[in-house]
Amino acid sequence: MTFSIHGLAVARGIAIGRAVLVASSRVDVAHYFIEASQVPAEIDRVRIGRNAVVDEIHRLQASITHMGPKEAPHELTALLDVHLMLLQDDELISGVKHWITDRLYNAEWALTTQLEVIARQFDEMEDEYLRERKADLEQITEKVLRAMKGVASPVVQQLGRAARKKSQQDLLLDDTVDVPLILIAHDLSPADMLQFKQSVFAGFITDVGGKTSHTAIVARSLDIPAVVGARLSSQLVRQDDWVIIDGDAGVVVVDPSSIILAEYGFKQRQGELERGRLGRLLHTPAITLDGQKIELLANIEMPEDAPIAIKAGAVGVGLFRSEFLFMGRQGKLPNEEEQYQAYRRAVEGMHGLPVTIRTVDVGADKPLDESLQDSAHLNPALGLRAIRWSLADPAMFLTQLRAILRAAAHGRANLLIPMLVHASEIRHTFALIDRARAELDNRGVAYGPVKIGAMIEIPAAALTLKVFLKYFDFLSIGTNDLIQYTLAIDRADESVAHLYDPLHPAVLGLVAQTIAECRAQGKGVSVCGEMAGDVSLTRLLLGMGLRSFSMHPAQILAVKQEVLRADAGKLVAWAEQVLANDEPGLLMKNHH
């Protein structure tokens, strides 16, 4: 039966494929395809893992027989019997074999997929006792997965094999291994998303998240359709259901009829044609109708993204997020050499174009890994994060600063400091930059010149620009956080996500003020938040005087098309009208 789920549209386009559910406790399970020749080996891995758990239960049962009823209550014996029964269940075994043989899923993926299928059946049982057995099933699956960890997979390198795009007719007529896959999860952490970059998924859906949650931002950088904040999607969609993601409307269509499928197939092809048209603008300089040169820069996450930025037509990197180096390392920080090599790869990868490296912007709200999440931080977005965290750990900060300064010897690099708000923090930061230079001088290590900039992402910073412009060469407006802090809205909380509004008069006022003040003082200013890549806001930002936009590479050509069609001079008066309006959003709609 066809039904739809509504969420927030975060990455444009249409994706059609089969659902792959990732249970939140097993997000670390690898998903990749195997070759047909590897089917027996993968089935063996599951069998060996399962047998190891069966042996473990037999050993436990044997030890129990020597104990009295006090140490080994009757319930425990019964529970072990249930576990054995579940492990030897025909449906579990035949299901896993089906996913490996017919779908060419790797062993772990096949096991968790079949677990989802059977868990559904438990959910639907009338009997409460039987319903509760779902937890046992999950426990034994976890045990088998752990046992399999020791049984190496022959094909981890298969992870990079992307699903081949098929025509709509193929999808309607046959159902083979090469069908695109849609990932469905309750939530995905930034670390999961980084792994996602090499994966086989054509799109994804999460229950939670807002328009600018980190999951959404990465979806846009991967340029795949995605819907977040889709509430119960991970419970309503079943493993292997056909799913359509309409990334433009923020709608997920489950189990579509052939008519709906054909209609979305047509929309998908239209989207591809539009991309082809935009592709022709690749080498066209971004100049407005009245001759204003506009700088279109890329936001990147990893050094390997530099060639992608160049391919997309970026004239530099306006934001290189250094967090990826610090994530998923069980709290162990990267050393100077490792950081230097990564920044150097990014700088060299841009072949002489400028790269703006932001110092680490993590903390309590974006923990480096789950173990660092501390429930003591009740309000992590307002806690020890970004520059506050760096200044609280000068040794870590100096290591990063030395690595960035050294990378600057290999090309044009700028240094960007996030989340500053006090003059004392600014002075403290500059003192540490000077100290990092002195330490490199003492070691006789080469380093390059850097321009130093600050992120304007806290209203207090936007309201004290004169202080910032005394110290910094340029400013970069981080609109995601600026909106979050101005409107007091947690951008990852879907219950208030509808109140997150880039067009709120207060937000627009702070952005316009920052652009005007920088221009008056002859200092560089760019917007590197999500507003920069939103084509519906390009004309407004041009009218405010913005000449430098930094966005995900996937959005550059669409923004360039807006720039080429705009007369920046004529947009000034209209932008002033929008800024003076109580409800700028309504005025914008009418203009478009």
Protein backbone atom coordinates (compact mmCIF):
# COMPACT_ATOMS: atom_id res chain seq x y z
CA MET A 1 0.00 0.00 0.00
CA THR A 2 1.41 3.38 -1.03
CA PHE A 3 1.85 5.99 1.69
CA SER A 4 3.99 9.09 2.15
CA ILE A 5 6.06 10.45 5.05
CA HIS A 6 6.81 14.16 5.30
CA GLY A 7 10.11 15.50 6.55
CA LEU A 8 12.43 18.39 5.77
CA ALA A 9 13.93 18.71 2.29
CA VAL A 10 17.67 19.04 2.77
CA ALA A 11 19.32 17.83 -0.43
CA ARG A 12 17.66 18.25 -3.78
CA GLY A 13 16.77 15.69 -6.41
CA ILE A 14 14.89 12.42 -6.73
CA ALA A 15 16.18 9.03 -5.60
CA ILE A 16 14.36 5.75 -6.23
CA GLY A 17 15.51 2.51 -4.69
CA ARG A 18 15.10 -0.15 -2.04
CA ALA A 19 15.14 0.62 1.67
CA VAL A 20 18.06 -0.44 3.83
CA LEU A 21 17.30 0.01 7.52
CA VAL A 22 20.18 0.65 9.87
CA ALA A 23 19.30 -0.05 13.49
CA SER A 24 20.84 2.66 15.64
CA SER A 25 22.85 0.29 17.86
CA ARG A 26 24.43 -1.28 14.79
CA VAL A 27 25.38 1.78 12.79
CA ASP A 28 28.95 0.46 12.66
CA VAL A 29 27.91 -2.52 10.50
CA ALA A 30 29.55 -2.23 7.09
CA HIS A 31 27.29 -2.20 4.01
CA TYR A 32 28.87 -3.28 0.76
CA PHE A 33 28.27 -5.64 -2.15
CA ILE A 34 30.20 -8.85 -2.72
CA GLU A 35 30.98 -10.66 -5.97
CA ALA A 36 28.91 -13.75 -6.81
CA SER A 37 32.03 -15.87 -6.38
CA GLN A 38 32.29 -14.76 -2.74
CA VAL A 39 28.79 -15.95 -1.73
CA PRO A 40 29.95 -19.28 -0.19
CA ALA A 41 32.70 -17.53 1.81
CA GLU A 42 30.25 -14.93 3.20
CA ILE A 43 27.69 -17.63 4.13
CA ASP A 44 30.56 -19.43 5.89
CA ARG A 45 31.42 -16.32 7.88
CA VAL A 46 27.87 -16.12 9.24
CA ARG A 47 27.88 -19.86 9.98
CA ILE A 48 31.20 -19.68 11.83
CA GLY A 49 30.00 -16.64 13.81
CA ARG A 50 26.72 -18.35 14.67
CA ASN A 51 28.46 -21.60 15.68
CA ALA A 52 30.81 -19.67 17.97
CA VAL A 53 27.80 -18.21 19.81
CA VAL A 54 26.06 -21.63 19.95
CA ASP A 55 29.24 -23.13 21.48
CA GLU A 56 29.39 -20.29 23.99
CA ILE A 57 25.77 -20.98 25.06
CA HIS A 58 26.47 -24.73 25.32
CA ARG A 59 29.45 -23.97 27.58
CA LEU A 60 27.24 -21.74 29.75
CA GLN A 61 24.59 -24.44 29.96
CA ALA A 62 27.21 -27.00 30.98
CA SER A 63 28.52 -24.75 33.75
CA ILE A 64 24.96 -24.08 34.98
CA THR A 65 24.27 -27.77 35.56
CA HIS A 66 26.95 -27.73 38.30
CA MET A 67 25.35 -24.78 40.10
CA GLY A 68 22.51 -24.72 42.55
CA PRO A 69 19.17 -22.98 41.81
CA LYS A 70 20.40 -19.93 43.81
CA GLU A 71 23.31 -19.10 41.48
CA ALA A 72 21.52 -20.24 38.33
CA PRO A 73 17.79 -19.51 38.52
CA HIS A 74 15.45 -21.51 36.30
CA GLU A 75 14.71 -18.38 34.21
CA LEU A 76 18.34 -18.17 33.09
CA THR A 77 18.27 -21.75 31.81
CA ALA A 78 15.03 -21.04 29.97
CA LEU A 79 16.50 -17.87 28.46
CA LEU A 80 19.54 -19.73 27.14
CA ASP A 81 17.20 -22.25 25.53
CA VAL A 82 15.32 -19.39 23.86
CA HIS A 83 18.62 -17.96 22.57
CA LEU A 84 19.63 -21.34 21.15
CA MET A 85 16.23 -21.76 19.54
CA LEU A 86 16.43 -18.28 17.94
CA LEU A 87 19.96 -18.93 16.68
CA GLN A 88 18.85 -22.13 15.00
CA ASP A 89 15.65 -20.64 13.61
CA ASP A 90 15.11 -21.62 9.97
CA GLU A 91 13.76 -18.21 9.06
CA LEU A 92 16.88 -16.47 10.34
CA ILE A 93 19.21 -18.86 8.53
CA SER A 94 17.34 -19.00 5.22
CA GLY A 95 16.77 -15.22 5.28
CA VAL A 96 20.46 -14.45 5.75
CA LYS A 97 21.32 -16.83 2.91
CA HIS A 98 18.74 -15.09 0.69
CA TRP A 99 20.26 -11.62 1.25
CA ILE A 100 23.77 -12.91 0.56
CA THR A 101 22.89 -15.09 -2.44
CA ASP A 102 20.22 -13.05 -4.20
CA ARG A 103 21.20 -9.52 -3.21
CA LEU A 104 24.96 -10.02 -2.82
CA TYR A 105 24.92 -8.22 0.56
CA ASN A 106 28.01 -8.78 2.74
CA ALA A 107 27.52 -11.13 5.71
CA GLU A 108 27.00 -8.49 8.44
CA TRP A 109 24.55 -6.54 6.32
CA ALA A 110 22.60 -9.71 5.48
CA LEU A 111 22.38 -10.62 9.18
CA THR A 112 21.14 -7.20 10.35
CA THR A 113 18.70 -7.04 7.42
CA GLN A 114 17.14 -10.36 8.36
CA LEU A 115 17.07 -9.27 12.01
CA GLU A 116 14.96 -6.23 10.97
CA VAL A 117 12.59 -8.49 9.01
CA ILE A 118 12.03 -10.88 11.93
CA ALA A 119 11.94 -8.08 14.53
CA ARG A 120 8.93 -6.67 12.62
CA GLN A 121 7.08 -9.95 13.10
CA PHE A 122 7.74 -9.82 16.84
CA ASP A 123 6.36 -6.25 16.97
CA GLU A 124 3.09 -7.44 15.49
CA MET A 125 2.52 -10.30 17.95
CA GLU A 126 -0.45 -10.12 20.32
CA ASP A 127 1.32 -11.99 23.12
CA GLU A 128 3.40 -9.62 25.24
CA TYR A 129 5.87 -12.34 26.25
CA LEU A 130 6.58 -13.17 22.62
CA ARG A 131 6.88 -9.47 21.74
CA GLU A 132 9.56 -9.13 24.42
CA ARG A 133 11.63 -11.85 22.72
CA LYS A 134 12.62 -9.26 20.12
CA ALA A 135 15.25 -8.01 22.57
CA ASP A 136 16.70 -11.53 22.79
CA LEU A 137 16.88 -11.70 19.02
CA GLU A 138 18.75 -8.38 18.97
CA GLN A 139 21.16 -9.61 21.65
CA ILE A 140 22.06 -12.80 19.83
CA THR A 141 22.48 -10.92 16.55
CA GLU A 142 24.90 -8.55 18.32
CA LYS A 143 26.76 -11.61 19.64
CA VAL A 144 27.04 -13.17 16.19
CA LEU A 145 28.23 -9.83 14.75
CA ARG A 146 30.88 -9.62 17.46
CA ALA A 147 31.96 -13.21 16.80
CA MET A 148 32.18 -12.40 13.08
CA LYS A 149 34.46 -9.44 13.79
CA GLY A 150 37.24 -11.96 14.21
CA VAL A 151 36.40 -13.60 10.85
CA ALA A 152 37.91 -11.24 8.32
CA SER A 153 35.80 -10.29 5.35
CA PRO A 154 37.51 -10.87 2.01
CA VAL A 155 35.90 -7.83 0.41
CA VAL A 156 36.05 -4.71 2.54
CA GLN A 157 37.54 -2.96 -0.48
CA GLN A 158 34.22 -3.53 -2.22
CA LEU A 159 32.80 -0.64 -0.18
CA GLY A 160 33.56 1.81 -2.96
CA ARG A 161 31.51 0.01 -5.59
CA ALA A 162 28.62 2.35 -6.25
CA ALA A 163 25.26 0.99 -7.30
CA ARG A 164 24.86 1.33 -11.07
CA LYS A 165 22.11 3.74 -12.06
CA LYS A 166 19.31 1.93 -13.90
CA SER A 167 16.63 3.20 -16.20
CA GLN A 168 13.09 3.45 -14.90
CA GLN A 169 11.99 0.59 -17.13
CA ASP A 170 14.61 -1.67 -15.55
CA LEU A 171 13.29 -0.77 -12.12
CA LEU A 172 9.71 -1.48 -13.13
CA LEU A 173 10.43 -4.70 -14.98
CA ASP A 174 13.10 -6.49 -13.06
CA ASP A 175 14.52 -6.37 -9.60
CA THR A 176 18.19 -7.19 -9.55
CA VAL A 177 21.20 -6.61 -7.37
CA ASP A 178 22.07 -3.33 -9.05
CA VAL A 179 19.00 -1.53 -7.76
CA PRO A 180 19.95 1.75 -6.00
CA LEU A 181 19.69 1.64 -2.22
CA ILE A 182 18.16 4.16 0.16
CA LEU A 183 19.55 4.28 3.68
CA ILE A 184 17.02 4.77 6.49
CA ALA A 185 18.20 5.43 10.04
CA HIS A 186 16.99 7.08 13.21
CA ASP A 187 20.03 9.36 13.01
CA LEU A 188 23.52 9.39 11.54
CA SER A 189 26.54 10.82 13.34
CA PRO A 190 29.09 12.98 11.48
CA ALA A 191 31.53 10.03 11.65
CA ASP A 192 28.97 7.69 10.02
CA MET A 193 28.44 10.30 7.34
CA LEU A 194 32.15 10.42 6.53
CA GLN A 195 32.07 6.67 5.90
CA PHE A 196 28.99 7.27 3.79
CA LYS A 197 31.16 9.15 1.29
CA GLN A 198 32.52 5.86 -0.07
CA SER A 199 29.24 4.00 0.14
CA VAL A 200 26.67 2.62 -2.23
CA PHE A 201 23.60 4.60 -1.22
CA ALA A 202 21.60 6.74 -3.64
CA GLY A 203 19.88 8.75 -0.90
CA PHE A 204 18.95 8.67 2.75
CA ILE A 205 16.20 9.39 5.26
CA THR A 206 16.55 10.02 8.99
CA ASP A 207 13.91 10.33 11.71
CA VAL A 208 15.58 13.31 13.36
CA GLY A 209 17.56 16.37 12.31
CA GLY A 210 16.87 19.84 10.97
CA LYS A 211 17.69 21.69 7.74
CA THR A 212 21.19 22.54 8.91
CA SER A 213 21.93 19.57 11.13
CA HIS A 214 25.30 18.07 10.33
CA THR A 215 23.64 15.11 8.62
CA ALA A 216 21.84 17.48 6.26
CA ILE A 217 24.99 19.47 5.50
CA VAL A 218 26.90 16.33 4.56
CA ALA A 219 23.97 15.14 2.40
CA ARG A 220 24.27 18.33 0.40
CA SER A 221 28.01 17.94 0.06
CA LEU A 222 27.52 14.38 -1.22
CA ASP A 223 24.93 15.78 -3.61
CA ILE A 224 22.45 12.97 -3.00
CA PRO A 225 18.72 13.40 -2.27
CA ALA A 226 17.91 13.30 1.43
CA VAL A 227 15.04 13.95 3.81
CA VAL A 228 15.64 14.45 7.54
CA GLY A 229 13.26 14.90 10.48
CA ALA A 230 10.94 12.28 8.94
CA ARG A 231 9.83 11.27 12.46
CA LEU A 232 8.89 7.56 12.34
CA SER A 233 10.41 6.64 8.99
CA SER A 234 12.71 4.00 10.49
CA GLN A 235 9.67 2.30 12.04
CA LEU A 236 7.18 2.70 9.17
CA VAL A 237 9.41 1.64 6.29
CA ARG A 238 10.24 -2.04 6.06
CA GLN A 239 13.50 -3.59 4.99
CA ASP A 240 13.67 -3.77 1.17
CA ASP A 241 10.51 -1.68 0.54
CA TRP A 242 10.58 0.39 -2.63
CA VAL A 243 11.08 4.03 -1.64
CA ILE A 244 11.12 7.33 -3.51
CA ILE A 245 12.88 10.33 -1.96
CA ASP A 246 11.64 13.64 -3.31
CA GLY A 247 14.46 15.81 -2.01
CA ASP A 248 12.85 18.97 -3.44
CA ALA A 249 9.57 18.57 -1.54
CA GLY A 250 10.88 16.76 1.56
CA VAL A 251 8.55 13.81 0.93
CA VAL A 252 9.22 10.09 1.08
CA VAL A 253 6.87 7.84 -0.93
CA VAL A 254 6.84 4.24 0.30
CA ASP A 255 5.76 1.27 -1.82
CA PRO A 256 4.80 3.46 -4.82
CA SER A 257 2.40 2.27 -7.51
CA SER A 258 3.78 1.86 -11.04
CA ILE A 259 2.10 5.15 -12.08
CA ILE A 260 3.80 7.09 -9.26
CA LEU A 261 7.07 5.31 -10.03
CA ALA A 262 6.88 6.31 -13.69
CA GLU A 263 6.05 9.94 -12.80
CA TYR A 264 9.04 10.24 -10.46
CA GLY A 265 11.24 8.51 -13.02
CA PHE A 266 10.33 11.32 -15.44
CA LYS A 267 11.12 13.96 -12.76
CA GLN A 268 14.45 12.26 -12.09
CA ARG A 269 15.40 12.47 -15.78
CA GLN A 270 14.34 16.16 -15.91
CA GLY A 271 16.67 16.83 -12.96
CA GLU A 272 19.55 15.15 -14.79
CA LEU A 273 18.89 17.30 -17.87
CA GLU A 274 18.92 20.46 -15.73
CA ARG A 275 22.27 19.40 -14.25
CA GLY A 276 23.58 18.92 -17.75
CA ARG A 277 22.52 22.48 -18.64
CA LEU A 278 24.22 23.88 -15.52
CA GLY A 279 27.35 21.93 -16.42
CA ARG A 280 27.83 24.20 -19.42
CA LEU A 281 28.39 27.16 -17.07
CA LEU A 282 31.45 25.49 -15.54
CA HIS A 283 34.06 27.69 -17.25
CA THR A 284 31.95 30.85 -17.40
CA PRO A 285 33.31 33.53 -15.00
CA ALA A 286 30.80 34.49 -12.27
CA ILE A 287 30.06 38.08 -13.29
CA THR A 288 26.72 39.84 -12.87
CA LEU A 289 24.94 41.58 -15.75
CA ASP A 290 26.35 44.92 -14.52
CA GLY A 291 29.93 43.60 -14.48
CA GLN A 292 30.38 42.81 -10.77
CA LYS A 293 32.85 39.95 -10.20
CA ILE A 294 31.52 37.41 -7.71
CA GLU A 295 33.75 34.93 -5.92
CA LEU A 296 32.21 31.44 -5.62
CA LEU A 297 34.14 29.30 -3.15
CA ALA A 298 33.69 25.75 -1.85
CA ASN A 299 33.17 24.36 1.64
CA ILE A 300 35.08 21.10 2.04
CA GLU A 301 35.37 18.46 4.76
CA MET A 302 38.47 16.50 3.77
CA PRO A 303 41.65 17.12 1.73
CA GLU A 304 40.31 14.68 -0.90
CA ASP A 305 37.44 17.12 -1.53
CA ALA A 306 39.83 19.69 -3.09
CA PRO A 307 39.72 18.17 -6.62
CA ILE A 308 35.90 17.98 -6.32
CA ALA A 309 35.84 21.72 -5.53
CA ILE A 310 37.96 22.53 -8.59
CA LYS A 311 35.82 20.26 -10.77
CA ALA A 312 32.72 22.14 -9.58
CA GLY A 313 34.24 25.45 -10.70
CA ALA A 314 35.19 26.88 -7.26
CA VAL A 315 37.81 29.64 -7.30
CA GLY A 316 39.07 28.63 -3.86
CA VAL A 317 38.02 27.01 -0.60
CA GLY A 318 36.13 29.40 1.68
CA LEU A 319 35.83 26.87 4.50
CA PHE A 320 37.87 23.74 5.13
CA ARG A 321 36.39 22.12 8.24
CA SER A 322 39.28 20.58 10.16
CA GLU A 323 36.99 18.50 12.40
CA PHE A 324 37.27 15.34 10.31
CA LEU A 325 40.86 14.93 11.58
CA PHE A 326 39.65 14.93 15.18
CA MET A 327 36.61 12.66 14.85
CA GLY A 328 36.11 9.02 15.70
CA ARG A 329 39.53 8.61 17.28
CA GLN A 330 38.38 7.56 20.77
CA GLY A 331 39.52 10.91 22.14
CA LYS A 332 43.13 10.59 20.82
CA LEU A 333 44.07 13.88 19.16
CA PRO A 334 45.91 14.02 15.82
CA ASN A 335 49.56 15.08 16.09
CA GLU A 336 51.18 18.02 14.30
CA GLU A 337 52.65 15.94 11.46
CA GLU A 338 49.35 14.22 10.65
CA GLN A 339 47.49 17.56 10.63
CA TYR A 340 50.22 19.27 8.58
CA GLN A 341 50.08 16.53 5.91
CA ALA A 342 46.26 16.81 5.68
CA TYR A 343 46.25 20.63 5.41
CA ARG A 344 49.12 20.47 2.93
CA ARG A 345 47.19 18.01 0.73
CA ALA A 346 44.22 20.39 0.72
CA VAL A 347 46.40 23.44 -0.09
CA GLU A 348 48.33 21.65 -2.85
CA GLY A 349 45.11 20.10 -4.17
CA MET A 350 43.79 23.61 -4.93
CA HIS A 351 46.78 24.42 -7.20
CA GLY A 352 47.45 27.95 -6.02
CA LEU A 353 43.83 28.90 -5.29
CA PRO A 354 43.24 30.12 -1.71
CA VAL A 355 42.21 27.68 1.04
CA THR A 356 40.65 28.98 4.26
CA ILE A 357 41.25 26.47 7.07
CA ARG A 358 38.97 26.79 10.09
CA THR A 359 40.42 25.72 13.42
CA VAL A 360 38.64 22.81 15.07
CA ASP A 361 34.96 23.55 15.61
CA VAL A 362 33.90 20.71 17.86
CA GLY A 363 33.05 20.47 21.51
CA ALA A 364 30.22 19.22 23.64
CA ASP A 365 27.55 19.57 20.92
CA LYS A 366 29.59 17.88 18.19
CA PRO A 367 31.56 15.37 20.21
CA LEU A 368 34.64 13.84 18.60
CA ASP A 369 33.18 10.47 19.35
CA GLU A 370 30.26 9.14 21.34
CA SER A 371 32.37 8.36 24.42
CA LEU A 372 33.06 12.06 24.92
CA GLN A 373 29.38 12.91 25.11
CA ASP A 374 28.84 14.12 28.61
CA SER A 375 25.33 14.46 29.96
CA ALA A 376 26.60 17.17 32.32
CA HIS A 377 26.46 19.63 29.39
CA LEU A 378 22.79 20.49 29.48
CA ASN A 379 23.11 23.08 26.76
CA PRO A 380 26.00 21.95 24.58
CA ALA A 381 25.50 24.57 21.86
CA LEU A 382 26.27 27.19 24.51
CA GLY A 383 29.11 25.28 26.12
CA LEU A 384 32.82 24.64 25.69
CA ARG A 385 33.06 24.35 21.94
CA ALA A 386 35.05 25.71 18.98
CA ILE A 387 37.56 28.44 19.99
CA ARG A 388 36.52 28.12 23.64
CA TRP A 389 37.63 24.49 23.59
CA SER A 390 40.86 25.40 21.74
CA LEU A 391 41.76 28.18 24.21
CA ALA A 392 41.02 25.84 27.13
CA ASP A 393 43.62 23.40 25.75
CA PRO A 394 46.49 25.58 24.47
CA ALA A 395 48.79 22.61 23.73
CA MET A 396 46.21 21.13 21.35
CA PHE A 397 45.54 24.54 19.78
CA LEU A 398 49.25 25.32 19.27
CA THR A 399 49.69 21.93 17.57
CA GLN A 400 46.92 22.79 15.12
CA LEU A 401 48.19 26.34 14.52
CA ARG A 402 51.75 25.11 13.79
CA ALA A 403 50.39 22.54 11.33
CA ILE A 404 48.29 25.18 9.50
CA LEU A 405 51.19 27.69 9.37
CA ARG A 406 53.49 24.98 7.95
CA ALA A 407 50.91 24.02 5.29
CA ALA A 408 50.75 27.70 4.27
CA ALA A 409 54.31 27.35 2.90
CA HIS A 410 52.85 25.20 0.09
CA GLY A 411 50.24 27.60 -1.31
CA ARG A 412 47.74 30.29 -0.36
CA ALA A 413 46.23 29.54 3.04
CA ASN A 414 44.02 31.61 5.35
CA LEU A 415 43.31 30.88 8.99
CA LEU A 416 39.72 31.14 10.24
CA ILE A 417 38.75 31.23 13.92
CA PRO A 418 35.22 30.09 14.88
CA MET A 419 32.86 31.38 17.57
CA LEU A 420 34.81 34.34 18.93
CA VAL A 421 32.84 36.86 20.96
CA HIS A 422 35.11 38.70 23.45
CA ALA A 423 38.02 41.06 22.76
CA SER A 424 40.00 39.12 25.38
CA GLU A 425 39.49 35.88 23.39
CA ILE A 426 40.69 37.63 20.24
CA ARG A 427 43.86 38.85 21.98
CA HIS A 428 44.47 35.43 23.51
CA THR A 429 44.08 33.80 20.05
CA PHE A 430 46.56 36.21 18.41
CA ALA A 431 49.05 35.66 21.24
CA LEU A 432 48.90 31.90 20.59
CA ILE A 433 49.31 32.39 16.82
CA ASP A 434 52.45 34.49 17.53
CA ARG A 435 53.67 31.79 19.90
CA ALA A 436 53.12 29.07 17.28
CA ARG A 437 55.26 31.09 14.82
CA ALA A 438 57.98 31.54 17.44
CA GLU A 439 58.01 27.80 18.19
CA LEU A 440 58.44 27.04 14.47
CA ASP A 441 61.23 29.67 14.25
CA ASN A 442 63.02 27.99 17.18
CA ARG A 443 62.79 24.63 15.43
CA GLY A 444 63.95 26.17 12.14
CA VAL A 445 60.82 24.87 10.39
CA ALA A 446 59.47 26.68 7.31
CA TYR A 447 56.00 28.20 7.39
CA GLY A 448 54.01 30.58 5.18
CA PRO A 449 52.11 33.84 5.60
CA VAL A 450 48.39 33.56 6.43
CA LYS A 451 45.55 36.01 6.40
CA ILE A 452 43.58 35.69 9.63
CA GLY A 453 39.81 35.82 9.73
CA ALA A 454 36.99 35.36 12.24
CA MET A 455 33.66 33.63 11.91
CA ILE A 456 30.72 35.86 12.73
CA GLU A 457 28.24 33.37 14.15
CA ILE A 458 27.19 34.84 17.50
CA PRO A 459 24.91 37.91 17.55
CA ALA A 460 27.26 39.61 20.04
CA ALA A 461 30.07 39.38 17.47
CA ALA A 462 27.86 40.84 14.73
CA LEU A 463 26.97 43.71 17.08
CA THR A 464 30.62 44.53 17.89
CA LEU A 465 32.15 44.39 14.41
CA LYS A 466 34.45 47.37 14.97
CA VAL A 467 36.40 45.36 17.57
CA PHE A 468 36.75 42.43 15.16
CA LEU A 469 37.82 44.59 12.24
CA LYS A 470 40.59 46.13 14.35
CA TYR A 471 42.28 42.72 14.47
CA PHE A 472 41.20 40.61 11.48
CA ASP A 473 41.96 40.68 7.75
CA PHE A 474 38.54 39.28 6.79
CA LEU A 475 35.29 38.00 8.27
CA SER A 476 33.22 34.98 7.35
CA ILE A 477 29.54 34.84 8.32
CA GLY A 478 28.51 31.40 9.58
CA THR A 479 24.79 31.78 9.02
CA ASN A 480 23.79 28.35 10.42
CA ASP A 481 24.93 29.16 13.94
CA LEU A 482 24.07 32.84 13.61
CA ILE A 483 20.42 31.90 12.94
CA GLN A 484 20.46 29.29 15.73
CA TYR A 485 21.80 31.75 18.31
CA THR A 486 19.78 34.76 17.15
CA LEU A 487 16.47 32.88 17.23
CA ALA A 488 17.32 30.59 20.19
CA ILE A 489 16.56 27.45 18.17
CA ASP A 490 18.44 24.19 18.34
CA ARG A 491 18.90 23.43 14.64
CA ALA A 492 19.09 19.66 15.22
CA ASP A 493 15.75 19.54 17.06
CA GLU A 494 12.99 18.74 14.59
CA SER A 495 10.27 19.90 17.01
CA VAL A 496 11.40 23.52 16.55
CA ALA A 497 13.00 23.17 13.12
CA HIS A 498 10.04 24.98 11.50
CA LEU A 499 10.98 28.12 13.44
CA TYR A 500 14.50 28.14 11.99
CA ASP A 501 14.25 31.04 9.55
CA PRO A 502 17.12 32.58 7.56
CA LEU A 503 14.70 35.37 6.53
CA HIS A 504 13.91 36.57 10.05
CA PRO A 505 14.41 40.37 10.07
CA ALA A 506 16.94 40.13 12.94
CA VAL A 507 19.07 37.58 11.07
CA LEU A 508 19.00 39.57 7.83
CA GLY A 509 19.83 42.75 9.76
CA LEU A 510 22.95 41.20 11.32
CA VAL A 511 24.11 39.74 7.99
CA ALA A 512 23.57 43.04 6.12
CA GLN A 513 25.31 45.04 8.86
CA THR A 514 28.36 42.76 8.77
CA ILE A 515 28.65 42.98 4.97
CA ALA A 516 28.25 46.79 4.99
CA GLU A 517 30.81 47.36 7.78
CA CYS A 518 33.44 45.15 6.10
CA ARG A 519 32.95 46.88 2.77
CA ALA A 520 33.17 50.30 4.39
CA GLN A 521 36.54 49.32 5.91
CA GLY A 522 37.81 47.59 2.78
CA LYS A 523 37.97 44.19 4.47
CA GLY A 524 37.00 40.88 2.83
CA VAL A 525 33.69 39.31 3.85
CA SER A 526 32.02 36.08 2.78
CA VAL A 527 29.04 33.99 3.82
CA CYS A 528 30.02 30.35 4.39
CA GLY A 529 26.82 29.06 5.99
CA GLU A 530 23.96 27.33 4.20
CA MET A 531 22.47 30.67 3.09
CA ALA A 532 25.36 31.05 0.62
CA GLY A 533 24.31 27.96 -1.34
CA ASP A 534 20.57 28.67 -1.28
CA VAL A 535 19.64 29.92 -4.76
CA SER A 536 16.48 31.55 -3.42
CA LEU A 537 18.70 33.92 -1.37
CA THR A 538 21.45 34.66 -3.93
CA ARG A 539 19.84 37.84 -5.28
CA LEU A 540 19.13 39.16 -1.78
CA LEU A 541 22.75 38.66 -0.69
CA LEU A 542 23.99 40.33 -3.89
CA GLY A 543 21.67 43.27 -3.16
CA MET A 544 23.17 43.50 0.35
CA GLY A 545 26.60 43.89 -1.25
CA LEU A 546 27.97 40.37 -0.78
CA ARG A 547 30.60 39.48 -3.38
CA SER A 548 32.02 36.27 -1.90
CA PHE A 549 29.93 33.12 -1.33
CA SER A 550 31.23 29.82 0.04
CA MET A 551 29.10 26.70 -0.32
CA HIS A 552 29.08 22.98 -1.01
CA PRO A 553 30.64 22.26 -4.39
CA ALA A 554 27.36 20.70 -5.56
CA GLN A 555 25.62 24.10 -5.30
CA ILE A 556 28.15 26.28 -7.10
CA LEU A 557 26.75 26.04 -10.64
CA ALA A 558 23.16 26.71 -9.57
CA VAL A 559 24.28 29.82 -7.64
CA LYS A 560 26.44 30.87 -10.60
CA GLN A 561 23.37 30.74 -12.86
CA GLU A 562 21.60 33.16 -10.47
CA VAL A 563 24.65 35.46 -10.44
CA LEU A 564 24.85 35.56 -14.26
CA ARG A 565 21.16 36.53 -14.46
CA ALA A 566 21.36 39.24 -11.78
CA ASP A 567 21.95 42.98 -12.04
CA ALA A 568 23.56 43.64 -8.67
CA GLY A 569 23.15 47.42 -8.85
CA LYS A 570 19.41 47.16 -9.42
CA LEU A 571 19.03 44.70 -6.52
CA VAL A 572 20.23 47.20 -3.89
CA ALA A 573 16.96 49.13 -3.51
CA TRP A 574 14.93 45.90 -3.46
CA ALA A 575 17.21 44.37 -0.80
CA GLU A 576 16.72 47.50 1.35
CA GLN A 577 12.94 47.06 1.05
CA VAL A 578 13.23 43.42 2.14
CA LEU A 579 15.37 44.43 5.12
CA ALA A 580 12.85 47.07 6.17
CA ASN A 581 9.91 44.64 6.03
CA ASP A 582 8.35 42.92 9.06
CA GLU A 583 7.97 39.67 7.11
CA PRO A 584 10.80 39.56 4.55
CA GLY A 585 9.86 35.99 3.60
CA LEU A 586 6.53 37.10 2.10
CA LEU A 587 8.14 39.90 0.11
CA MET A 588 10.76 37.47 -1.24
CA LYS A 589 8.06 35.03 -2.37
CA ASN A 590 6.26 37.74 -4.34
CA HIS A 591 9.50 38.88 -5.94
CA HIS A 592 10.28 35.38 -7.17
